[in-house]
Amino acid sequence: DLWPDPFGNFLLQGLLDFGSAEMREELMTAVFAADVVDMTLNIHGCRVIQKALLVLDQASVCKIITELQDIEEVIPFIFD
Protein backbone atom coordinates (compact mmCIF):
# COMPACT_ATOMS: atom_id res chain seq x y z
CA ASP A 1 0.00 0.00 0.00
CA LEU A 2 3.02 2.30 0.05
CA TRP A 3 3.54 2.53 -3.70
CA PRO A 4 0.82 5.15 -4.40
CA ASP A 5 1.90 7.31 -1.46
CA PRO A 6 3.99 10.40 -2.30
CA PHE A 7 6.52 9.44 0.40
CA GLY A 8 5.96 5.68 0.60
CA ASN A 9 7.22 5.15 -2.92
CA PHE A 10 10.60 6.61 -1.87
CA LEU A 11 10.81 4.03 0.92
CA LEU A 12 10.09 1.22 -1.54
CA GLN A 13 12.67 2.59 -3.98
CA GLY A 14 15.24 2.67 -1.18
CA LEU A 15 14.45 -0.90 -0.22
CA LEU A 16 14.90 -1.95 -3.84
CA ASP A 17 18.21 -0.08 -3.97
CA PHE A 18 19.70 -1.11 -0.66
CA GLY A 19 17.65 -4.08 0.57
CA SER A 20 18.80 -7.67 0.63
CA ALA A 21 17.96 -10.11 -2.14
CA GLU A 22 15.29 -11.66 0.09
CA MET A 23 13.74 -8.26 0.72
CA ARG A 24 13.67 -7.49 -2.99
CA GLU A 25 12.00 -10.84 -3.67
CA GLU A 26 9.33 -10.12 -1.05
CA LEU A 27 8.72 -6.68 -2.56
CA MET A 28 8.32 -8.17 -6.01
CA THR A 29 5.89 -10.75 -4.66
CA ALA A 30 3.83 -7.86 -3.29
CA VAL A 31 4.09 -5.99 -6.60
CA PHE A 32 2.77 -8.98 -8.53
CA ALA A 33 0.00 -9.48 -5.99
CA ALA A 34 -1.08 -5.92 -6.88
CA ASP A 35 -1.84 -4.83 -10.43
CA VAL A 36 1.41 -3.92 -12.21
CA VAL A 37 -0.47 -1.96 -14.87
CA ASP A 38 -2.24 0.14 -12.21
CA MET A 39 1.11 0.79 -10.55
CA THR A 40 2.67 2.01 -13.77
CA LEU A 41 -0.24 4.37 -14.42
CA ASN A 42 0.08 5.93 -10.95
CA ILE A 43 2.39 8.95 -10.69
CA HIS A 44 4.17 7.47 -7.65
CA GLY A 45 3.80 3.76 -8.40
CA CYS A 46 5.53 4.15 -11.75
CA ARG A 47 8.68 5.28 -9.91
CA VAL A 48 8.72 1.99 -8.00
CA ILE A 49 8.39 0.02 -11.25
CA GLN A 50 11.12 2.11 -12.88
CA LYS A 51 13.47 1.43 -9.97
CA ALA A 52 12.61 -2.27 -10.07
CA LEU A 53 13.49 -2.41 -13.77
CA LEU A 54 16.88 -0.86 -12.97
CA VAL A 55 17.94 -2.95 -10.00
CA LEU A 56 16.30 -6.37 -10.25
CA ASP A 57 17.64 -9.49 -11.89
CA GLN A 58 16.77 -10.35 -15.46
CA ALA A 59 14.09 -12.90 -14.53
CA SER A 60 12.16 -10.35 -12.44
CA VAL A 61 12.47 -7.68 -15.13
CA CYS A 62 11.14 -10.14 -17.73
CA LYS A 63 8.21 -10.93 -15.45
CA ILE A 64 7.34 -7.21 -15.17
CA ILE A 65 7.57 -6.74 -18.92
CA THR A 66 5.42 -9.81 -19.49
CA GLU A 67 2.74 -8.18 -17.33
CA LEU A 68 2.83 -5.14 -19.63
CA GLN A 69 2.84 -6.93 -22.99
CA ASP A 70 -0.89 -6.90 -23.61
CA ILE A 71 -1.47 -4.18 -26.22
CA GLU A 72 -4.79 -3.17 -24.70
CA GLU A 73 -3.00 -2.48 -21.43
CA VAL A 74 -0.17 -0.50 -23.05
CA ILE A 75 -2.27 2.07 -24.92
CA PRO A 76 -3.01 4.18 -21.78
CA PHE A 77 0.76 4.64 -21.29
CA ILE A 78 0.94 6.57 -24.54
CA PHE A 79 -1.37 9.24 -23.20
CA ASP A 80 -0.02 9.27 -19.62
PDB file of N, CA and C in Angstrom:
ATOM      1  N   ASP A   1       0.802  -1.201   0.000  1.00  0.00           N
ATOM      2  CA  ASP A   1       0.000   0.000   0.000  1.00  0.00           C
ATOM      3  C   ASP A   1       0.850   1.273   0.000  1.00  0.00           C
ATOM      4  N   LEU A   2       2.157   1.122   0.026  1.00  0.00           N
ATOM      5  CA  LEU A   2       3.023   2.305   0.055  1.00  0.00           C
ATOM      6  C   LEU A   2       3.302   2.879  -1.326  1.00  0.00           C
ATOM      7  N   TRP A   3       3.142   2.068  -2.368  1.00  0.00           N
ATOM      8  CA  TRP A   3       3.538   2.529  -3.700  1.00  0.00           C
ATOM      9  C   TRP A   3       2.777   3.749  -4.197  1.00  0.00           C
ATOM     10  N   PRO A   4       1.473   3.942  -3.889  1.00  0.00           N
ATOM     11  CA  PRO A   4       0.815   5.153  -4.404  1.00  0.00           C
ATOM     12  C   PRO A   4       1.045   6.388  -3.526  1.00  0.00           C
ATOM     13  N   ASP A   5       1.680   6.205  -2.387  1.00  0.00           N
ATOM     14  CA  ASP A   5       1.897   7.305  -1.461  1.00  0.00           C
ATOM     15  C   ASP A   5       3.061   8.182  -1.924  1.00  0.00           C
ATOM     16  N   PRO A   6       2.923   9.507  -1.842  1.00  0.00           N
ATOM     17  CA  PRO A   6       3.993  10.395  -2.297  1.00  0.00           C
ATOM     18  C   PRO A   6       5.328  10.162  -1.583  1.00  0.00           C
ATOM     19  N   PHE A   7       5.290   9.700  -0.338  1.00  0.00           N
ATOM     20  CA  PHE A   7       6.523   9.436   0.399  1.00  0.00           C
ATOM     21  C   PHE A   7       6.818   7.948   0.502  1.00  0.00           C
ATOM     22  N   GLY A   8       5.779   7.125   0.504  1.00  0.00           N
ATOM     23  CA  GLY A   8       5.959   5.680   0.603  1.00  0.00           C
ATOM     24  C   GLY A   8       6.717   5.096  -0.575  1.00  0.00           C
ATOM     25  N   ASN A   9       6.523   5.673  -1.756  1.00  0.00           N
ATOM     26  CA  ASN A   9       7.221   5.152  -2.923  1.00  0.00           C
ATOM     27  C   ASN A   9       8.725   5.344  -2.790  1.00  0.00           C
ATOM     28  N   PHE A  10       9.164   6.407  -2.090  1.00  0.00           N
ATOM     29  CA  PHE A  10      10.600   6.611  -1.871  1.00  0.00           C
ATOM     30  C   PHE A  10      11.168   5.523  -0.965  1.00  0.00           C
ATOM     31  N   LEU A  11      10.385   5.121   0.036  1.00  0.00           N
ATOM     32  CA  LEU A  11      10.807   4.033   0.916  1.00  0.00           C
ATOM     33  C   LEU A  11      10.985   2.748   0.113  1.00  0.00           C
ATOM     34  N   LEU A  12      10.008   2.435  -0.728  1.00  0.00           N
ATOM     35  CA  LEU A  12      10.093   1.224  -1.541  1.00  0.00           C
ATOM     36  C   LEU A  12      11.271   1.283  -2.509  1.00  0.00           C
ATOM     37  N   GLN A  13      11.521   2.450  -3.096  1.00  0.00           N
ATOM     38  CA  GLN A  13      12.670   2.587  -3.984  1.00  0.00           C
ATOM     39  C   GLN A  13      13.975   2.361  -3.222  1.00  0.00           C
ATOM     40  N   GLY A  14      14.046   2.881  -2.011  1.00  0.00           N
ATOM     41  CA  GLY A  14      15.237   2.674  -1.183  1.00  0.00           C
ATOM     42  C   GLY A  14      15.438   1.218  -0.830  1.00  0.00           C
ATOM     43  N   LEU A  15      14.345   0.528  -0.523  1.00  0.00           N
ATOM     44  CA  LEU A  15      14.445  -0.901  -0.221  1.00  0.00           C
ATOM     45  C   LEU A  15      14.903  -1.686  -1.447  1.00  0.00           C
ATOM     46  N   LEU A  16      14.437  -1.291  -2.620  1.00  0.00           N
ATOM     47  CA  LEU A  16      14.900  -1.954  -3.838  1.00  0.00           C
ATOM     48  C   LEU A  16      16.382  -1.668  -4.082  1.00  0.00           C
ATOM     49  N   ASP A  17      16.818  -0.461  -3.782  1.00  0.00           N
ATOM     50  CA  ASP A  17      18.213  -0.083  -3.971  1.00  0.00           C
ATOM     51  C   ASP A  17      19.146  -0.762  -2.977  1.00  0.00           C
ATOM     52  N   PHE A  18      18.778  -0.725  -1.710  1.00  0.00           N
ATOM     53  CA  PHE A  18      19.705  -1.112  -0.658  1.00  0.00           C
ATOM     54  C   PHE A  18      19.293  -2.349   0.137  1.00  0.00           C
ATOM     55  N   GLY A  19      18.127  -2.915  -0.157  1.00  0.00           N
ATOM     56  CA  GLY A  19      17.650  -4.084   0.571  1.00  0.00           C
ATOM     57  C   GLY A  19      18.356  -5.360   0.142  1.00  0.00           C
ATOM     58  N   SER A  20      18.206  -6.371   0.948  1.00  0.00           N
ATOM     59  CA  SER A  20      18.800  -7.671   0.633  1.00  0.00           C
ATOM     60  C   SER A  20      18.046  -8.332  -0.519  1.00  0.00           C
ATOM     61  N   ALA A  21      18.602  -9.381  -1.054  1.00  0.00           N
ATOM     62  CA  ALA A  21      17.960 -10.113  -2.141  1.00  0.00           C
ATOM     63  C   ALA A  21      16.611 -10.672  -1.686  1.00  0.00           C
ATOM     64  N   GLU A  22      16.543 -11.129  -0.435  1.00  0.00           N
ATOM     65  CA  GLU A  22      15.290 -11.664   0.092  1.00  0.00           C
ATOM     66  C   GLU A  22      14.232 -10.566   0.184  1.00  0.00           C
ATOM     67  N   MET A  23      14.668  -9.375   0.604  1.00  0.00           N
ATOM     68  CA  MET A  23      13.735  -8.256   0.722  1.00  0.00           C
ATOM     69  C   MET A  23      13.207  -7.856  -0.655  1.00  0.00           C
ATOM     70  N   ARG A  24      14.094  -7.816  -1.635  1.00  0.00           N
ATOM     71  CA  ARG A  24      13.666  -7.486  -2.995  1.00  0.00           C
ATOM     72  C   ARG A  24      12.668  -8.509  -3.513  1.00  0.00           C
ATOM     73  N   GLU A  25      12.915  -9.778  -3.216  1.00  0.00           N
ATOM     74  CA  GLU A  25      12.003 -10.835  -3.667  1.00  0.00           C
ATOM     75  C   GLU A  25      10.632 -10.676  -3.022  1.00  0.00           C
ATOM     76  N   GLU A  26      10.611 -10.342  -1.731  1.00  0.00           N
ATOM     77  CA  GLU A  26       9.333 -10.116  -1.051  1.00  0.00           C
ATOM     78  C   GLU A  26       8.601  -8.911  -1.634  1.00  0.00           C
ATOM     79  N   LEU A  27       9.341  -7.851  -1.945  1.00  0.00           N
ATOM     80  CA  LEU A  27       8.718  -6.676  -2.557  1.00  0.00           C
ATOM     81  C   LEU A  27       8.119  -7.023  -3.912  1.00  0.00           C
ATOM     82  N   MET A  28       8.830  -7.814  -4.691  1.00  0.00           N
ATOM     83  CA  MET A  28       8.317  -8.173  -6.006  1.00  0.00           C
ATOM     84  C   MET A  28       7.102  -9.092  -5.893  1.00  0.00           C
ATOM     85  N   THR A  29       7.076  -9.932  -4.900  1.00  0.00           N
ATOM     86  CA  THR A  29       5.893 -10.755  -4.660  1.00  0.00           C
ATOM     87  C   THR A  29       4.692  -9.852  -4.378  1.00  0.00           C
ATOM     88  N   ALA A  30       4.906  -8.808  -3.581  1.00  0.00           N
ATOM     89  CA  ALA A  30       3.826  -7.860  -3.290  1.00  0.00           C
ATOM     90  C   ALA A  30       3.426  -7.079  -4.533  1.00  0.00           C
ATOM     91  N   VAL A  31       4.390  -6.722  -5.364  1.00  0.00           N
ATOM     92  CA  VAL A  31       4.089  -5.991  -6.600  1.00  0.00           C
ATOM     93  C   VAL A  31       3.219  -6.845  -7.510  1.00  0.00           C
ATOM     94  N   PHE A  32       3.555  -8.116  -7.649  1.00  0.00           N
ATOM     95  CA  PHE A  32       2.772  -8.976  -8.534  1.00  0.00           C
ATOM     96  C   PHE A  32       1.437  -9.373  -7.928  1.00  0.00           C
ATOM     97  N   ALA A  33       1.299  -9.251  -6.615  1.00  0.00           N
ATOM     98  CA  ALA A  33      -0.004  -9.476  -5.988  1.00  0.00           C
ATOM     99  C   ALA A  33      -0.925  -8.292  -6.294  1.00  0.00           C
ATOM    100  N   ALA A  34      -0.320  -7.112  -6.462  1.00  0.00           N
ATOM    101  CA  ALA A  34      -1.078  -5.923  -6.883  1.00  0.00           C
ATOM    102  C   ALA A  34      -1.158  -5.950  -8.407  1.00  0.00           C
ATOM    103  N   ASP A  35      -1.720  -4.929  -8.979  1.00  0.00           N
ATOM    104  CA  ASP A  35      -1.842  -4.834 -10.431  1.00  0.00           C
ATOM    105  C   ASP A  35      -0.694  -3.989 -10.961  1.00  0.00           C
ATOM    106  N   VAL A  36       0.231  -4.611 -11.684  1.00  0.00           N
ATOM    107  CA  VAL A  36       1.409  -3.920 -12.207  1.00  0.00           C
ATOM    108  C   VAL A  36       0.999  -2.779 -13.138  1.00  0.00           C
ATOM    109  N   VAL A  37      -0.011  -3.004 -13.946  1.00  0.00           N
ATOM    110  CA  VAL A  37      -0.466  -1.957 -14.866  1.00  0.00           C
ATOM    111  C   VAL A  37      -0.974  -0.753 -14.090  1.00  0.00           C
ATOM    112  N   ASP A  38      -1.763  -0.976 -13.034  1.00  0.00           N
ATOM    113  CA  ASP A  38      -2.240   0.140 -12.211  1.00  0.00           C
ATOM    114  C   ASP A  38      -1.072   0.893 -11.582  1.00  0.00           C
ATOM    115  N   MET A  39      -0.057   0.148 -11.150  1.00  0.00           N
ATOM    116  CA  MET A  39       1.109   0.795 -10.551  1.00  0.00           C
ATOM    117  C   MET A  39       1.819   1.694 -11.554  1.00  0.00           C
ATOM    118  N   THR A  40       1.948   1.225 -12.771  1.00  0.00           N
ATOM    119  CA  THR A  40       2.674   2.006 -13.773  1.00  0.00           C
ATOM    120  C   THR A  40       1.889   3.242 -14.207  1.00  0.00           C
ATOM    121  N   LEU A  41       0.586   3.217 -14.060  1.00  0.00           N
ATOM    122  CA  LEU A  41      -0.235   4.373 -14.415  1.00  0.00           C
ATOM    123  C   LEU A  41      -0.342   5.399 -13.288  1.00  0.00           C
ATOM    124  N   ASN A  42       0.111   5.027 -12.097  1.00  0.00           N
ATOM    125  CA  ASN A  42       0.077   5.927 -10.951  1.00  0.00           C
ATOM    126  C   ASN A  42       1.363   6.751 -10.930  1.00  0.00           C
ATOM    127  N   ILE A  43       1.234   8.048 -10.649  1.00  0.00           N
ATOM    128  CA  ILE A  43       2.390   8.951 -10.687  1.00  0.00           C
ATOM    129  C   ILE A  43       3.505   8.518  -9.732  1.00  0.00           C
ATOM    130  N   HIS A  44       3.158   7.899  -8.611  1.00  0.00           N
ATOM    131  CA  HIS A  44       4.170   7.466  -7.646  1.00  0.00           C
ATOM    132  C   HIS A  44       4.530   6.000  -7.843  1.00  0.00           C
ATOM    133  N   GLY A  45       3.550   5.188  -8.190  1.00  0.00           N
ATOM    134  CA  GLY A  45       3.803   3.764  -8.403  1.00  0.00           C
ATOM    135  C   GLY A  45       4.734   3.511  -9.573  1.00  0.00           C
ATOM    136  N   CYS A  46       4.665   4.355 -10.588  1.00  0.00           N
ATOM    137  CA  CYS A  46       5.530   4.153 -11.752  1.00  0.00           C
ATOM    138  C   CYS A  46       6.991   4.305 -11.376  1.00  0.00           C
ATOM    139  N   ARG A  47       7.289   5.121 -10.363  1.00  0.00           N
ATOM    140  CA  ARG A  47       8.677   5.282  -9.913  1.00  0.00           C
ATOM    141  C   ARG A  47       9.203   3.988  -9.291  1.00  0.00           C
ATOM    142  N   VAL A  48       8.323   3.275  -8.598  1.00  0.00           N
ATOM    143  CA  VAL A  48       8.716   1.993  -8.001  1.00  0.00           C
ATOM    144  C   VAL A  48       9.011   0.978  -9.111  1.00  0.00           C
ATOM    145  N   ILE A  49       8.167   0.938 -10.123  1.00  0.00           N
ATOM    146  CA  ILE A  49       8.389   0.020 -11.251  1.00  0.00           C
ATOM    147  C   ILE A  49       9.669   0.398 -11.991  1.00  0.00           C
ATOM    148  N   GLN A  50       9.897   1.683 -12.210  1.00  0.00           N
ATOM    149  CA  GLN A  50      11.123   2.115 -12.883  1.00  0.00           C
ATOM    150  C   GLN A  50      12.359   1.674 -12.113  1.00  0.00           C
ATOM    151  N   LYS A  51      12.336   1.840 -10.793  1.00  0.00           N
ATOM    152  CA  LYS A  51      13.474   1.429  -9.971  1.00  0.00           C
ATOM    153  C   LYS A  51      13.647  -0.085 -10.027  1.00  0.00           C
ATOM    154  N   ALA A  52      12.540  -0.814  -9.997  1.00  0.00           N
ATOM    155  CA  ALA A  52      12.612  -2.270 -10.073  1.00  0.00           C
ATOM    156  C   ALA A  52      13.257  -2.705 -11.383  1.00  0.00           C
ATOM    157  N   LEU A  53      12.905  -2.062 -12.474  1.00  0.00           N
ATOM    158  CA  LEU A  53      13.491  -2.407 -13.770  1.00  0.00           C
ATOM    159  C   LEU A  53      14.993  -2.146 -13.794  1.00  0.00           C
ATOM    160  N   LEU A  54      15.449  -1.185 -13.010  1.00  0.00           N
ATOM    161  CA  LEU A  54      16.876  -0.855 -12.975  1.00  0.00           C
ATOM    162  C   LEU A  54      17.700  -1.783 -12.087  1.00  0.00           C
ATOM    163  N   VAL A  55      17.119  -2.253 -10.991  1.00  0.00           N
ATOM    164  CA  VAL A  55      17.938  -2.948  -9.996  1.00  0.00           C
ATOM    165  C   VAL A  55      17.700  -4.458  -9.898  1.00  0.00           C
ATOM    166  N   LEU A  56      16.611  -4.952 -10.421  1.00  0.00           N
ATOM    167  CA  LEU A  56      16.304  -6.369 -10.251  1.00  0.00           C
ATOM    168  C   LEU A  56      17.013  -7.243 -11.270  1.00  0.00           C
ATOM    169  N   ASP A  57      17.021  -8.527 -10.982  1.00  0.00           N
ATOM    170  CA  ASP A  57      17.639  -9.487 -11.895  1.00  0.00           C
ATOM    171  C   ASP A  57      16.799  -9.629 -13.157  1.00  0.00           C
ATOM    172  N   GLN A  58      17.396 -10.250 -14.149  1.00  0.00           N
ATOM    173  CA  GLN A  58      16.765 -10.347 -15.464  1.00  0.00           C
ATOM    174  C   GLN A  58      15.431 -11.093 -15.421  1.00  0.00           C
ATOM    175  N   ALA A  59      15.335 -12.127 -14.611  1.00  0.00           N
ATOM    176  CA  ALA A  59      14.087 -12.896 -14.532  1.00  0.00           C
ATOM    177  C   ALA A  59      12.935 -12.032 -14.015  1.00  0.00           C
ATOM    178  N   SER A  60      13.204 -11.218 -12.995  1.00  0.00           N
ATOM    179  CA  SER A  60      12.161 -10.350 -12.442  1.00  0.00           C
ATOM    180  C   SER A  60      11.768  -9.260 -13.429  1.00  0.00           C
ATOM    181  N   VAL A  61      12.751  -8.705 -14.126  1.00  0.00           N
ATOM    182  CA  VAL A  61      12.471  -7.681 -15.133  1.00  0.00           C
ATOM    183  C   VAL A  61      11.606  -8.274 -16.244  1.00  0.00           C
ATOM    184  N   CYS A  62      11.939  -9.476 -16.685  1.00  0.00           N
ATOM    185  CA  CYS A  62      11.144 -10.141 -17.729  1.00  0.00           C
ATOM    186  C   CYS A  62       9.714 -10.375 -17.264  1.00  0.00           C
ATOM    187  N   LYS A  63       9.550 -10.699 -15.984  1.00  0.00           N
ATOM    188  CA  LYS A  63       8.212 -10.925 -15.445  1.00  0.00           C
ATOM    189  C   LYS A  63       7.397  -9.628 -15.464  1.00  0.00           C
ATOM    190  N   ILE A  64       8.036  -8.506 -15.126  1.00  0.00           N
ATOM    191  CA  ILE A  64       7.342  -7.208 -15.169  1.00  0.00           C
ATOM    192  C   ILE A  64       6.937  -6.884 -16.596  1.00  0.00           C
ATOM    193  N   ILE A  65       7.849  -7.058 -17.517  1.00  0.00           N
ATOM    194  CA  ILE A  65       7.572  -6.742 -18.918  1.00  0.00           C
ATOM    195  C   ILE A  65       6.477  -7.646 -19.472  1.00  0.00           C
ATOM    196  N   THR A  66       6.469  -8.887 -19.058  1.00  0.00           N
ATOM    197  CA  THR A  66       5.419  -9.812 -19.488  1.00  0.00           C
ATOM    198  C   THR A  66       4.048  -9.313 -19.037  1.00  0.00           C
ATOM    199  N   GLU A  67       3.993  -8.738 -17.833  1.00  0.00           N
ATOM    200  CA  GLU A  67       2.737  -8.182 -17.327  1.00  0.00           C
ATOM    201  C   GLU A  67       2.245  -7.024 -18.200  1.00  0.00           C
ATOM    202  N   LEU A  68       3.175  -6.340 -18.859  1.00  0.00           N
ATOM    203  CA  LEU A  68       2.830  -5.143 -19.626  1.00  0.00           C
ATOM    204  C   LEU A  68       2.706  -5.399 -21.120  1.00  0.00           C
ATOM    205  N   GLN A  69       2.809  -6.639 -21.559  1.00  0.00           N
ATOM    206  CA  GLN A  69       2.836  -6.935 -22.989  1.00  0.00           C
ATOM    207  C   GLN A  69       1.491  -6.837 -23.694  1.00  0.00           C
ATOM    208  N   ASP A  70       0.421  -6.948 -22.984  1.00  0.00           N
ATOM    209  CA  ASP A  70      -0.893  -6.898 -23.614  1.00  0.00           C
ATOM    210  C   ASP A  70      -1.122  -5.512 -24.222  1.00  0.00           C
ATOM    211  N   ILE A  71      -1.343  -5.455 -25.509  1.00  0.00           N
ATOM    212  CA  ILE A  71      -1.465  -4.184 -26.222  1.00  0.00           C
ATOM    213  C   ILE A  71      -2.601  -3.324 -25.675  1.00  0.00           C
ATOM    214  N   GLU A  72      -3.675  -3.935 -25.247  1.00  0.00           N
ATOM    215  CA  GLU A  72      -4.792  -3.173 -24.696  1.00  0.00           C
ATOM    216  C   GLU A  72      -4.390  -2.475 -23.397  1.00  0.00           C
ATOM    217  N   GLU A  73      -3.456  -3.076 -22.677  1.00  0.00           N
ATOM    218  CA  GLU A  73      -3.001  -2.476 -21.425  1.00  0.00           C
ATOM    219  C   GLU A  73      -1.960  -1.388 -21.669  1.00  0.00           C
ATOM    220  N   VAL A  74      -1.257  -1.427 -22.782  1.00  0.00           N
ATOM    221  CA  VAL A  74      -0.167  -0.496 -23.054  1.00  0.00           C
ATOM    222  C   VAL A  74      -0.677   0.843 -23.596  1.00  0.00           C
ATOM    223  N   ILE A  75      -1.780   0.848 -24.293  1.00  0.00           N
ATOM    224  CA  ILE A  75      -2.269   2.074 -24.922  1.00  0.00           C
ATOM    225  C   ILE A  75      -2.422   3.236 -23.928  1.00  0.00           C
ATOM    226  N   PRO A  76      -2.916   3.027 -22.699  1.00  0.00           N
ATOM    227  CA  PRO A  76      -3.007   4.181 -21.779  1.00  0.00           C
ATOM    228  C   PRO A  76      -1.657   4.825 -21.475  1.00  0.00           C
ATOM    229  N   PHE A  77      -0.554   4.072 -21.569  1.00  0.00           N
ATOM    230  CA  PHE A  77       0.761   4.639 -21.286  1.00  0.00           C
ATOM    231  C   PHE A  77       1.126   5.723 -22.308  1.00  0.00           C
ATOM    232  N   ILE A  78       0.624   5.616 -23.494  1.00  0.00           N
ATOM    233  CA  ILE A  78       0.938   6.568 -24.543  1.00  0.00           C
ATOM    234  C   ILE A  78       0.414   7.948 -24.177  1.00  0.00           C
ATOM    235  N   PHE A  79      -0.715   7.976 -23.522  1.00  0.00           N
ATOM    236  CA  PHE A  79      -1.366   9.237 -23.202  1.00  0.00           C
ATOM    237  C   PHE A  79      -1.072   9.719 -21.788  1.00  0.00           C
ATOM    238  N   ASP A  80      -0.316   8.941 -21.012  1.00  0.00           N
ATOM    239  CA  ASP A  80      -0.017   9.273 -19.618  1.00  0.00           C
ATOM    240  C   ASP A  80       1.147  10.243 -19.546  1.00  0.00           C
TER     241      ASP A  80
END
